[in-house]
N, C-alpha and C. Protein backbone atom coordinates (compact mmCIF):
# COMPACT_ATOMS: atom_id res chain seq x y z
N UNK A 1 -40.06 -37.36 -2.19
CA UNK A 1 -40.55 -37.72 -2.59
C UNK A 1 -41.76 -38.73 -2.46
N UNK A 2 -43.17 -38.42 -2.65
CA UNK A 2 -44.44 -38.94 -1.50
C UNK A 2 -44.67 -39.75 -2.90
N UNK A 3 -44.91 -40.95 -2.83
CA UNK A 3 -45.48 -41.86 -4.11
C UNK A 3 -46.89 -42.13 -4.11
N UNK A 4 -47.40 -41.98 -4.83
CA UNK A 4 -48.75 -41.92 -4.55
C UNK A 4 -49.65 -43.25 -3.76
N UNK A 5 -50.35 -43.43 -3.45
CA UNK A 5 -50.89 -44.35 -2.60
C UNK A 5 -51.48 -45.19 -3.74
N UNK A 6 -51.44 -46.76 -3.26
CA UNK A 6 -51.88 -47.79 -4.77
C UNK A 6 -53.43 -47.71 -4.05
N UNK A 7 -54.19 -48.34 -5.47
CA UNK A 7 -56.05 -48.40 -5.43
C UNK A 7 -56.01 -49.05 -4.33
N UNK A 8 -57.23 -48.96 -3.63
CA UNK A 8 -58.12 -49.83 -2.74
C UNK A 8 -58.90 -50.50 -3.51
N UNK A 9 -59.77 -50.12 -4.44
CA UNK A 9 -60.78 -50.61 -4.87
C UNK A 9 -60.24 -51.97 -5.74
N UNK A 10 -61.61 -52.72 -5.54
CA UNK A 10 -61.47 -54.13 -6.36
C UNK A 10 -61.56 -54.07 -7.68
N UNK A 11 -60.56 -54.40 -8.43
CA UNK A 11 -60.35 -53.88 -10.00
C UNK A 11 -60.88 -55.38 -10.51
N UNK A 12 -61.42 -56.32 -9.77
CA UNK A 12 -61.07 -57.94 -10.28
C UNK A 12 -62.45 -57.34 -11.67
N UNK A 13 -63.52 -56.61 -11.59
CA UNK A 13 -64.52 -56.86 -13.03
C UNK A 13 -63.50 -56.25 -13.72
N UNK A 14 -62.94 -55.09 -13.84
CA UNK A 14 -62.72 -54.36 -15.08
C UNK A 14 -61.33 -55.50 -15.83
N UNK A 15 -60.41 -55.92 -14.54
CA UNK A 15 -59.35 -56.92 -15.14
C UNK A 15 -60.06 -58.04 -15.68
N UNK A 16 -61.21 -58.80 -15.72
CA UNK A 16 -61.82 -59.36 -16.11
C UNK A 16 -62.81 -59.10 -17.55
N UNK A 17 -62.80 -58.28 -17.74
CA UNK A 17 -63.79 -58.06 -18.63
C UNK A 17 -62.35 -57.39 -20.02
N UNK A 18 -61.26 -57.44 -19.49
CA UNK A 18 -60.08 -57.42 -20.75
C UNK A 18 -59.09 -58.21 -20.73
N UNK A 19 -59.30 -59.75 -20.29
CA UNK A 19 -58.81 -60.45 -20.34
C UNK A 19 -58.11 -60.92 -21.23
N UNK A 20 -57.29 -61.07 -21.28
CA UNK A 20 -56.69 -61.70 -23.03
C UNK A 20 -55.46 -62.71 -22.80
N UNK A 21 -54.98 -63.45 -24.19
CA UNK A 21 -53.70 -64.59 -23.74
C UNK A 21 -53.80 -65.45 -22.59
N UNK A 22 -52.88 -65.36 -22.39
CA UNK A 22 -52.86 -66.62 -21.36
C UNK A 22 -54.01 -67.28 -20.08
N UNK A 23 -54.49 -66.12 -19.83
CA UNK A 23 -55.40 -65.66 -18.96
C UNK A 23 -56.73 -66.10 -19.11
N UNK A 24 -57.41 -65.92 -20.18
CA UNK A 24 -58.15 -66.20 -21.23
C UNK A 24 -58.54 -67.35 -21.76
N UNK A 25 -57.49 -68.09 -22.43
CA UNK A 25 -57.24 -69.76 -22.72
C UNK A 25 -57.12 -70.07 -21.42
N UNK A 26 -56.69 -70.10 -20.20
CA UNK A 26 -56.63 -70.92 -18.97
C UNK A 26 -57.97 -70.75 -18.63
N UNK A 27 -58.84 -69.89 -19.22
CA UNK A 27 -59.75 -69.59 -18.14
C UNK A 27 -59.61 -69.19 -16.41
N UNK A 28 -58.38 -68.46 -16.50
CA UNK A 28 -58.39 -67.65 -15.12
C UNK A 28 -59.50 -66.42 -15.12
N UNK A 29 -60.32 -66.44 -14.28
CA UNK A 29 -60.63 -64.77 -13.66
C UNK A 29 -60.46 -64.49 -12.49
N UNK A 30 -60.97 -63.13 -12.08
CA UNK A 30 -60.27 -62.55 -11.05
C UNK A 30 -61.60 -62.54 -10.33
N UNK A 31 -61.44 -62.83 -8.78
CA UNK A 31 -62.65 -62.31 -7.63
C UNK A 31 -62.63 -61.19 -7.13
N UNK A 32 -61.05 -60.86 -6.77
CA UNK A 32 -60.32 -60.12 -5.71
C UNK A 32 -58.89 -59.57 -6.82
N UNK A 33 -58.92 -58.48 -6.71
CA UNK A 33 -57.89 -57.90 -7.43
C UNK A 33 -57.07 -56.46 -6.64
N UNK A 34 -56.73 -56.56 -5.85
CA UNK A 34 -56.29 -55.06 -5.17
C UNK A 34 -54.63 -54.65 -5.25
N UNK A 35 -53.94 -53.69 -4.68
CA UNK A 35 -52.40 -53.64 -5.08
C UNK A 35 -51.83 -54.66 -3.73
N UNK A 36 -52.66 -55.43 -2.54
CA UNK A 36 -52.53 -56.06 -1.54
C UNK A 36 -53.08 -57.38 -1.77
N UNK A 37 -53.94 -57.58 -2.54
CA UNK A 37 -55.00 -59.27 -2.63
C UNK A 37 -55.03 -59.44 -3.61
N UNK A 38 -55.18 -61.00 -3.80
CA UNK A 38 -55.41 -61.11 -5.34
C UNK A 38 -56.13 -62.49 -5.86
N UNK A 39 -57.15 -62.66 -5.96
CA UNK A 39 -57.78 -64.06 -5.76
C UNK A 39 -58.26 -64.25 -6.98
N UNK A 40 -58.12 -65.47 -7.53
CA UNK A 40 -58.41 -65.81 -8.86
C UNK A 40 -59.41 -67.33 -9.04
N UNK A 41 -59.65 -67.54 -10.14
CA UNK A 41 -60.27 -69.15 -9.90
C UNK A 41 -60.22 -69.53 -11.44
N UNK A 42 -60.47 -70.61 -11.71
CA UNK A 42 -60.23 -71.42 -12.94
C UNK A 42 -60.85 -72.82 -12.68
N UNK A 43 -61.68 -73.21 -13.54
CA UNK A 43 -62.00 -74.81 -13.35
C UNK A 43 -61.21 -75.55 -14.42
N UNK A 44 -60.88 -76.59 -13.53
CA UNK A 44 -60.51 -77.53 -14.23
C UNK A 44 -61.14 -77.93 -15.33
N UNK A 45 -60.08 -78.17 -16.61
CA UNK A 45 -60.84 -79.06 -17.90
C UNK A 45 -59.71 -79.62 -18.49
N UNK A 46 -59.92 -80.50 -19.64
CA UNK A 46 -58.95 -81.06 -20.10
C UNK A 46 -58.02 -80.42 -20.45
N UNK A 47 -57.97 -79.63 -20.60
CA UNK A 47 -56.66 -78.40 -21.19
C UNK A 47 -55.31 -78.47 -19.74
N UNK A 48 -56.14 -78.47 -18.88
CA UNK A 48 -54.84 -78.55 -17.46
C UNK A 48 -54.27 -79.51 -17.60
N UNK A 49 -54.60 -80.86 -18.13
CA UNK A 49 -54.29 -82.18 -17.31
C UNK A 49 -52.73 -82.44 -17.96
N UNK A 50 -52.36 -83.24 -17.77
CA UNK A 50 -51.04 -84.23 -18.21
C UNK A 50 -51.50 -85.82 -18.46
N UNK A 51 -50.61 -85.92 -18.76
CA UNK A 51 -50.81 -87.56 -19.37
C UNK A 51 -51.55 -88.53 -18.61
N UNK A 52 -51.14 -88.25 -16.99
CA UNK A 52 -51.78 -88.96 -16.01
C UNK A 52 -53.15 -88.76 -15.25
N UNK A 53 -53.87 -87.64 -16.18
CA UNK A 53 -54.94 -87.10 -15.69
C UNK A 53 -54.51 -86.06 -14.39
N UNK A 54 -53.81 -85.45 -14.20
CA UNK A 54 -53.78 -84.62 -13.05
C UNK A 54 -53.35 -82.98 -13.78
N UNK A 55 -53.49 -81.88 -12.96
CA UNK A 55 -53.49 -80.84 -13.22
C UNK A 55 -51.74 -80.73 -13.61
N UNK A 56 -51.47 -80.27 -14.57
CA UNK A 56 -50.06 -80.08 -15.08
C UNK A 56 -49.03 -78.98 -14.20
N UNK A 57 -48.21 -79.45 -13.66
CA UNK A 57 -47.63 -78.43 -12.93
C UNK A 57 -47.45 -76.97 -13.66
N UNK A 58 -47.32 -76.88 -14.79
CA UNK A 58 -47.24 -75.09 -15.89
C UNK A 58 -48.60 -74.72 -15.44
N UNK A 59 -49.69 -75.15 -15.26
CA UNK A 59 -50.84 -74.50 -14.51
C UNK A 59 -50.51 -73.92 -13.48
N UNK A 60 -50.15 -74.89 -12.48
CA UNK A 60 -49.92 -74.15 -11.29
C UNK A 60 -48.93 -72.63 -11.06
N UNK A 61 -48.14 -73.17 -11.74
CA UNK A 61 -47.22 -72.08 -11.61
C UNK A 61 -47.64 -70.64 -12.75
N UNK A 62 -48.21 -71.16 -13.45
CA UNK A 62 -48.97 -70.37 -14.88
C UNK A 62 -50.10 -68.90 -14.10
N UNK A 63 -50.65 -70.01 -12.91
CA UNK A 63 -51.59 -68.89 -12.62
C UNK A 63 -51.04 -68.50 -11.35
N UNK A 64 -50.05 -68.93 -10.62
CA UNK A 64 -49.24 -68.60 -9.26
C UNK A 64 -48.53 -66.95 -9.64
N UNK A 65 -48.35 -67.08 -11.64
CA UNK A 65 -47.07 -66.13 -11.90
C UNK A 65 -48.42 -64.85 -12.43
N UNK A 66 -49.46 -65.54 -12.79
CA UNK A 66 -50.71 -64.86 -13.20
C UNK A 66 -51.18 -63.74 -12.12
N UNK A 67 -51.50 -64.06 -11.10
CA UNK A 67 -52.00 -63.93 -9.47
C UNK A 67 -51.07 -62.67 -9.19
N UNK A 68 -49.96 -63.15 -9.56
CA UNK A 68 -48.56 -62.15 -8.31
C UNK A 68 -48.60 -61.42 -9.73
N UNK A 69 -47.75 -61.02 -11.00
CA UNK A 69 -47.67 -60.24 -11.59
C UNK A 69 -49.50 -58.97 -11.60
N UNK A 70 -50.47 -59.66 -11.83
CA UNK A 70 -51.90 -58.23 -11.20
C UNK A 70 -51.65 -58.02 -9.97
N UNK A 71 -51.62 -58.42 -9.72
CA UNK A 71 -51.55 -57.44 -7.67
C UNK A 71 -49.90 -56.39 -8.13
N UNK A 72 -48.93 -56.79 -8.32
CA UNK A 72 -47.81 -56.23 -8.82
C UNK A 72 -47.85 -54.88 -9.66
N UNK A 73 -48.71 -55.48 -10.45
CA UNK A 73 -49.38 -53.87 -11.32
C UNK A 73 -49.78 -53.29 -11.09
N UNK A 74 -51.10 -53.87 -10.45
CA UNK A 74 -51.84 -52.48 -9.84
C UNK A 74 -51.61 -52.12 -9.25
N UNK A 75 -50.29 -52.15 -8.24
CA UNK A 75 -49.74 -51.40 -7.53
C UNK A 75 -48.97 -50.21 -7.84
N UNK A 76 -48.50 -50.60 -8.83
CA UNK A 76 -47.13 -49.96 -9.95
C UNK A 76 -47.66 -49.05 -10.82
N UNK A 77 -49.11 -49.45 -11.63
CA UNK A 77 -49.69 -48.49 -12.21
C UNK A 77 -49.82 -46.69 -11.73
N UNK A 78 -50.56 -46.95 -10.48
CA UNK A 78 -50.24 -45.51 -9.96
C UNK A 78 -48.98 -44.80 -10.14
N UNK A 79 -47.64 -45.44 -10.44
CA UNK A 79 -46.44 -44.89 -9.76
C UNK A 79 -45.49 -44.66 -11.16
N UNK A 80 -46.62 -44.75 -12.60
CA UNK A 80 -46.32 -44.88 -13.91
C UNK A 80 -45.17 -45.99 -14.37
N UNK A 81 -45.28 -47.29 -13.55
CA UNK A 81 -44.69 -47.98 -13.84
C UNK A 81 -45.58 -49.54 -14.56
N UNK A 82 -44.91 -50.40 -15.09
CA UNK A 82 -45.52 -51.54 -15.34
C UNK A 82 -44.46 -52.72 -14.87
N UNK A 83 -45.08 -54.01 -14.99
CA UNK A 83 -43.80 -55.12 -13.84
C UNK A 83 -43.82 -56.16 -14.86
N UNK A 84 -42.60 -57.24 -14.73
CA UNK A 84 -42.28 -57.86 -15.47
C UNK A 84 -42.09 -59.08 -14.61
N UNK A 85 -41.76 -60.41 -14.15
CA UNK A 85 -41.33 -61.83 -13.37
C UNK A 85 -40.11 -61.64 -13.89
N UNK A 86 -39.57 -61.34 -13.16
CA UNK A 86 -37.74 -62.06 -13.39
C UNK A 86 -37.76 -63.41 -12.26
N UNK A 87 -38.68 -64.33 -11.53
CA UNK A 87 -38.17 -65.63 -10.91
C UNK A 87 -39.75 -66.02 -10.61
N UNK A 88 -39.90 -67.12 -11.09
CA UNK A 88 -40.88 -67.89 -10.38
C UNK A 88 -40.83 -69.28 -9.86
N UNK A 89 -40.81 -69.71 -8.06
CA UNK A 89 -40.70 -70.85 -7.33
C UNK A 89 -42.01 -71.43 -7.22
N UNK A 90 -42.11 -72.49 -7.95
CA UNK A 90 -43.06 -72.86 -7.71
C UNK A 90 -43.21 -74.08 -6.99
N UNK A 91 -43.80 -74.87 -5.80
CA UNK A 91 -43.62 -76.15 -5.12
C UNK A 91 -44.98 -76.52 -5.29
N UNK A 92 -45.40 -78.16 -5.53
CA UNK A 92 -46.21 -78.84 -5.66
C UNK A 92 -46.71 -79.36 -5.06
N UNK A 93 -47.45 -79.76 -3.97
CA UNK A 93 -47.87 -79.98 -2.91
C UNK A 93 -48.47 -81.38 -2.68
N UNK A 94 -49.57 -81.16 -3.84
CA UNK A 94 -50.46 -82.64 -3.55
C UNK A 94 -51.15 -82.26 -5.12
N UNK A 95 -51.45 -83.49 -6.01
CA UNK A 95 -51.96 -83.92 -7.02
C UNK A 95 -53.50 -83.68 -6.79
N UNK A 96 -54.16 -82.76 -8.15
CA UNK A 96 -55.63 -83.31 -8.20
C UNK A 96 -56.24 -83.15 -9.75
N UNK A 97 -57.47 -83.68 -10.15
CA UNK A 97 -58.02 -83.68 -11.05
C UNK A 97 -58.64 -83.24 -12.09
N UNK A 98 -59.56 -82.69 -11.05
CA UNK A 98 -61.19 -81.77 -11.56
C UNK A 98 -61.26 -80.80 -10.04
N UNK A 99 -62.73 -80.47 -10.87
CA UNK A 99 -63.26 -79.06 -9.61
C UNK A 99 -62.28 -77.57 -10.10
N UNK A 100 -62.44 -76.75 -9.12
CA UNK A 100 -62.14 -75.28 -9.02
C UNK A 100 -60.86 -75.23 -8.79
N UNK A 101 -59.74 -74.40 -8.95
CA UNK A 101 -58.32 -74.22 -8.49
C UNK A 101 -59.00 -72.62 -7.89
N UNK A 102 -58.53 -72.44 -6.88
CA UNK A 102 -58.40 -71.02 -6.40
C UNK A 102 -57.18 -70.52 -5.92
N UNK A 103 -56.03 -69.38 -6.80
CA UNK A 103 -55.09 -68.90 -6.51
C UNK A 103 -55.44 -67.62 -5.34
N UNK A 104 -54.43 -67.00 -4.23
CA UNK A 104 -54.83 -66.21 -3.78
C UNK A 104 -53.02 -65.92 -3.20
N UNK A 105 -52.69 -64.54 -3.87
CA UNK A 105 -50.99 -63.94 -4.17
C UNK A 105 -51.71 -62.26 -2.94
N UNK A 106 -50.59 -62.73 -2.22
CA UNK A 106 -50.22 -61.52 -1.25
C UNK A 106 -48.83 -60.69 -1.74
N UNK A 107 -48.53 -59.86 -1.55
CA UNK A 107 -47.34 -59.20 -1.35
C UNK A 107 -46.39 -59.44 -0.20
N UNK A 108 -45.43 -59.70 -0.66
CA UNK A 108 -44.10 -59.69 1.00
C UNK A 108 -43.35 -58.15 1.05
N UNK A 109 -42.80 -58.15 -0.08
CA UNK A 109 -42.45 -56.62 -0.37
C UNK A 109 -42.67 -55.82 -1.64
N UNK A 110 -42.81 -54.57 -1.79
CA UNK A 110 -43.39 -53.65 -2.88
C UNK A 110 -42.42 -52.66 -2.81
N UNK A 111 -41.39 -52.10 -3.16
CA UNK A 111 -40.21 -51.44 -3.30
C UNK A 111 -40.27 -50.58 -4.47
N UNK A 112 -39.92 -49.99 -4.93
CA UNK A 112 -39.73 -48.82 -6.44
C UNK A 112 -39.02 -49.61 -7.10
N UNK A 113 -37.84 -50.81 -7.16
CA UNK A 113 -37.48 -51.25 -8.19
C UNK A 113 -37.70 -52.72 -8.04
N UNK A 114 -38.22 -53.05 -7.27
CA UNK A 114 -39.04 -54.81 -7.45
C UNK A 114 -39.66 -55.06 -6.39
N UNK A 115 -40.59 -55.89 -6.85
CA UNK A 115 -41.57 -56.63 -5.85
C UNK A 115 -41.35 -58.35 -5.42
N UNK A 116 -42.36 -58.79 -4.33
CA UNK A 116 -42.30 -59.91 -3.80
C UNK A 116 -43.50 -60.60 -3.66
N UNK A 117 -44.37 -61.15 -4.62
CA UNK A 117 -45.49 -62.07 -4.51
C UNK A 117 -45.02 -63.08 -3.90
N UNK A 118 -46.03 -63.79 -2.84
CA UNK A 118 -46.81 -65.39 -2.55
C UNK A 118 -48.02 -65.61 -2.93
N UNK A 119 -47.84 -66.82 -3.28
CA UNK A 119 -49.61 -67.23 -3.86
C UNK A 119 -49.58 -69.01 -3.13
N UNK A 120 -51.02 -68.99 -2.66
CA UNK A 120 -51.21 -70.74 -2.90
C UNK A 120 -52.40 -70.62 -3.56
N UNK A 121 -52.34 -72.15 -4.04
CA UNK A 121 -53.80 -72.49 -5.09
C UNK A 121 -53.96 -73.59 -4.48
N UNK A 122 -55.36 -73.81 -3.97
CA UNK A 122 -56.21 -74.73 -2.85
C UNK A 122 -57.07 -75.11 -4.04
N UNK A 123 -57.52 -76.76 -3.69
CA UNK A 123 -58.32 -76.94 -4.52
C UNK A 123 -59.96 -76.85 -4.28
N UNK A 124 -60.92 -77.44 -4.33
CA UNK A 124 -62.33 -77.19 -4.02
C UNK A 124 -62.51 -77.90 -2.45
N UNK A 125 -61.81 -78.36 -1.90
CA UNK A 125 -62.15 -78.72 -0.42
C UNK A 125 -60.63 -77.86 0.13
N UNK A 126 -60.47 -76.97 -0.16
CA UNK A 126 -59.63 -75.48 0.56
C UNK A 126 -58.04 -76.48 0.83
N UNK A 127 -57.63 -77.20 0.25
CA UNK A 127 -56.28 -77.67 0.45
C UNK A 127 -55.44 -77.31 -0.17
N UNK A 128 -54.16 -76.64 0.18
CA UNK A 128 -53.29 -76.24 -0.69
C UNK A 128 -52.52 -77.23 -1.93
N UNK A 129 -52.55 -77.06 -3.11
CA UNK A 129 -52.17 -77.88 -3.79
C UNK A 129 -50.52 -77.61 -4.58
N UNK A 130 -50.45 -76.41 -4.49
CA UNK A 130 -49.15 -75.68 -4.47
C UNK A 130 -49.16 -74.55 -4.34
N UNK A 131 -48.06 -74.05 -3.83
CA UNK A 131 -47.64 -72.72 -3.61
C UNK A 131 -46.11 -71.83 -4.14
N UNK A 132 -46.14 -70.76 -3.96
CA UNK A 132 -45.22 -70.18 -4.70
C UNK A 132 -44.94 -68.99 -4.42
N UNK A 133 -43.58 -68.12 -5.06
CA UNK A 133 -43.16 -67.11 -4.93
C UNK A 133 -42.90 -66.53 -6.23
N UNK A 134 -43.20 -65.11 -6.39
CA UNK A 134 -42.44 -64.54 -7.80
C UNK A 134 -42.03 -63.29 -7.08
N UNK A 135 -40.56 -63.22 -8.25
CA UNK A 135 -39.85 -61.76 -8.05
C UNK A 135 -40.24 -61.17 -9.19
N UNK A 136 -40.69 -59.84 -9.32
CA UNK A 136 -40.86 -59.10 -10.40
C UNK A 136 -39.76 -57.62 -10.44
N UNK A 137 -39.69 -57.03 -11.75
CA UNK A 137 -39.24 -55.87 -11.87
C UNK A 137 -40.18 -55.18 -12.21
N UNK A 138 -39.38 -53.64 -11.52
CA UNK A 138 -41.03 -52.38 -11.65
C UNK A 138 -40.36 -51.57 -13.02
N UNK A 139 -40.53 -51.38 -14.16
CA UNK A 139 -40.13 -50.88 -15.24
C UNK A 139 -40.92 -49.48 -15.27
N UNK A 140 -39.78 -47.81 -15.51
CA UNK A 140 -40.69 -47.10 -15.99
C UNK A 140 -41.11 -47.33 -17.41
N UNK A 141 -42.08 -46.47 -17.74
CA UNK A 141 -43.16 -46.04 -18.80
C UNK A 141 -41.89 -46.17 -20.19
N UNK A 142 -41.70 -46.41 -21.14
CA UNK A 142 -41.20 -46.04 -22.14
C UNK A 142 -39.90 -46.69 -22.39
N UNK A 143 -39.64 -47.58 -21.30
CA UNK A 143 -38.09 -48.76 -21.66
C UNK A 143 -38.91 -49.60 -22.46
N UNK A 144 -37.74 -49.94 -23.26
CA UNK A 144 -37.94 -51.11 -24.36
C UNK A 144 -37.23 -52.65 -23.87
N UNK A 145 -38.61 -53.44 -23.80
CA UNK A 145 -38.49 -54.72 -23.65
C UNK A 145 -38.79 -55.19 -24.59
N UNK A 146 -38.19 -56.68 -24.85
CA UNK A 146 -38.12 -57.56 -26.16
C UNK A 146 -38.35 -56.63 -27.80
N UNK A 147 -37.98 -55.71 -27.51
CA UNK A 147 -38.05 -54.75 -29.22
C UNK A 147 -39.50 -54.13 -28.99
N UNK A 148 -40.37 -53.87 -27.82
CA UNK A 148 -41.19 -53.12 -28.15
C UNK A 148 -41.10 -52.05 -26.94
N UNK A 149 -41.90 -50.49 -26.76
CA UNK A 149 -41.76 -49.82 -25.63
C UNK A 149 -43.16 -50.04 -24.62
N UNK A 150 -42.31 -50.42 -23.42
CA UNK A 150 -43.47 -50.54 -22.51
C UNK A 150 -44.24 -49.52 -22.36
N UNK A 151 -45.31 -49.59 -21.99
CA UNK A 151 -46.45 -49.17 -21.44
C UNK A 151 -47.01 -49.31 -20.18
N UNK A 152 -47.75 -47.83 -19.55
CA UNK A 152 -47.86 -48.47 -17.81
C UNK A 152 -49.02 -49.27 -18.18
N UNK A 153 -48.87 -50.03 -17.17
CA UNK A 153 -50.01 -51.32 -16.97
C UNK A 153 -49.83 -51.96 -17.77
N UNK A 154 -48.63 -52.47 -18.64
CA UNK A 154 -48.92 -53.27 -19.66
C UNK A 154 -48.33 -53.58 -21.00
């Protein structure tokens, strides 16, 4: 069975127009959004800091998961699938206090039932501040998840 090719066009503008939930609250927007490359940015604000005044580790883990999940969803939508995260492993490399964070994610493997993506978060100086890997499950449309039917793409 031939699978449809994933879209090559940059969907960042479309995704940014429909930001909701966590991405909107965190201020994460996308610069590049394709099935093989995701680049997102956020400007660090007080809401991103923990009590020592550095970016909270959950922000790094969250933007890594958001970037990886977005890329996986773009790849899976033409296949009639949606994706959910199964595992997020994030390592914190260097503390940062302000400026802008840039997350870049790329697929390691993209299968019919699961995908694995890796991401790096960099500070304004281009230094890596966190890295992570997210494993995602590909779900067919119509499957129930947490009591609701899953729709393609979301």
